[in-house]
Amino acid sequence: MAKYSKKAGEKVGEAIHEMKAGKLKTGTGKKVTSKKQAIAIGLSEAKEEGAKVPEKKS
């Protein structure tokens, strides 16, 4: 299992909280309804801030 930094975990938690409140939006402005999408947005934001986030497996 991948290891994430504490900051990355906090960002993901914030994103999920915003999604449940209906305030999380995608880049195009649409409302996020998927938990997976909220996690991806949280990890992306954490990576932008320099948190330890593993590379995407494709």
C-alpha atoms as a PDB file:
ATOM      1  CA  MET A   1       0.000   0.000   0.000  1.00  0.00           C
ATOM      2  CA  ALA A   2       1.224   3.489  -0.813  1.00  0.00           C
ATOM      3  CA  LYS A   3       2.370   5.778   1.976  1.00  0.00           C
ATOM      4  CA  TYR A   4       1.027   9.301   2.003  1.00  0.00           C
ATOM      5  CA  SER A   5       2.270  12.184   4.096  1.00  0.00           C
ATOM      6  CA  LYS A   6       0.166  13.598   6.921  1.00  0.00           C
ATOM      7  CA  LYS A   7      -0.449  16.765   4.909  1.00  0.00           C
ATOM      8  CA  ALA A   8      -1.735  14.729   1.947  1.00  0.00           C
ATOM      9  CA  GLY A   9      -4.128  12.898   4.259  1.00  0.00           C
ATOM     10  CA  GLU A  10      -5.421  16.186   5.630  1.00  0.00           C
ATOM     11  CA  LYS A  11      -5.985  17.558   2.118  1.00  0.00           C
ATOM     12  CA  VAL A  12      -7.942  14.444   1.118  1.00  0.00           C
ATOM     13  CA  GLY A  13     -10.021  14.758   4.294  1.00  0.00           C
ATOM     14  CA  GLU A  14     -10.804  18.391   3.506  1.00  0.00           C
ATOM     15  CA  ALA A  15     -11.799  17.509  -0.061  1.00  0.00           C
ATOM     16  CA  ILE A  16     -14.157  14.737   1.095  1.00  0.00           C
ATOM     17  CA  HIS A  17     -15.690  17.073   3.678  1.00  0.00           C
ATOM     18  CA  GLU A  18     -16.288  19.714   0.988  1.00  0.00           C
ATOM     19  CA  MET A  19     -17.799  17.072  -1.333  1.00  0.00           C
ATOM     20  CA  LYS A  20     -20.251  15.961   1.360  1.00  0.00           C
ATOM     21  CA  ALA A  21     -21.212  19.611   1.956  1.00  0.00           C
ATOM     22  CA  GLY A  22     -21.737  20.078  -1.788  1.00  0.00           C
ATOM     23  CA  LYS A  23     -19.028  22.740  -2.108  1.00  0.00           C
ATOM     24  CA  LEU A  24     -16.325  20.805  -3.986  1.00  0.00           C
ATOM     25  CA  LYS A  25     -16.146  21.643  -7.689  1.00  0.00           C
ATOM     26  CA  THR A  26     -14.180  20.198 -10.606  1.00  0.00           C
ATOM     27  CA  GLY A  27     -11.884  22.292 -12.767  1.00  0.00           C
ATOM     28  CA  THR A  28     -14.797  23.007 -15.114  1.00  0.00           C
ATOM     29  CA  GLY A  29     -17.067  24.128 -12.261  1.00  0.00           C
ATOM     30  CA  LYS A  30     -19.286  21.050 -12.005  1.00  0.00           C
ATOM     31  CA  LYS A  31     -20.189  19.644  -8.586  1.00  0.00           C
ATOM     32  CA  VAL A  32     -18.187  16.586  -7.474  1.00  0.00           C
ATOM     33  CA  THR A  33     -20.395  13.616  -6.570  1.00  0.00           C
ATOM     34  CA  SER A  34     -17.883  10.739  -6.552  1.00  0.00           C
ATOM     35  CA  LYS A  35     -15.751   9.922  -3.496  1.00  0.00           C
ATOM     36  CA  LYS A  36     -12.946   8.723  -5.802  1.00  0.00           C
ATOM     37  CA  GLN A  37     -12.976  12.067  -7.593  1.00  0.00           C
ATOM     38  CA  ALA A  38     -12.790  13.929  -4.261  1.00  0.00           C
ATOM     39  CA  ILE A  39      -9.771  11.832  -3.218  1.00  0.00           C
ATOM     40  CA  ALA A  40      -8.052  12.554  -6.541  1.00  0.00           C
ATOM     41  CA  ILE A  41      -8.640  16.288  -6.132  1.00  0.00           C
ATOM     42  CA  GLY A  42      -7.283  16.189  -2.555  1.00  0.00           C
ATOM     43  CA  LEU A  43      -4.120  14.356  -3.638  1.00  0.00           C
ATOM     44  CA  SER A  44      -3.643  16.736  -6.545  1.00  0.00           C
ATOM     45  CA  GLU A  45      -3.898  19.773  -4.246  1.00  0.00           C
ATOM     46  CA  ALA A  46      -1.470  18.181  -1.777  1.00  0.00           C
ATOM     47  CA  LYS A  47       1.010  17.465  -4.580  1.00  0.00           C
ATOM     48  CA  GLU A  48       0.841  21.122  -5.688  1.00  0.00           C
ATOM     49  CA  GLU A  49       1.793  22.175  -2.153  1.00  0.00           C
ATOM     50  CA  GLY A  50       4.787  19.829  -2.156  1.00  0.00           C
ATOM     51  CA  ALA A  51       3.414  17.023   0.025  1.00  0.00           C
ATOM     52  CA  LYS A  52       4.713  13.469  -0.400  1.00  0.00           C
ATOM     53  CA  VAL A  53       2.347  11.807  -2.871  1.00  0.00           C
ATOM     54  CA  PRO A  54       3.364   8.702  -4.836  1.00  0.00           C
ATOM     55  CA  GLU A  55       3.325   8.726  -8.634  1.00  0.00           C
ATOM     56  CA  LYS A  56       0.078   7.743 -10.371  1.00  0.00           C
ATOM     57  CA  LYS A  57      -0.050   4.084 -11.429  1.00  0.00           C
ATOM     58  CA  SER A  58      -1.509   3.687 -14.904  1.00  0.00           C
END
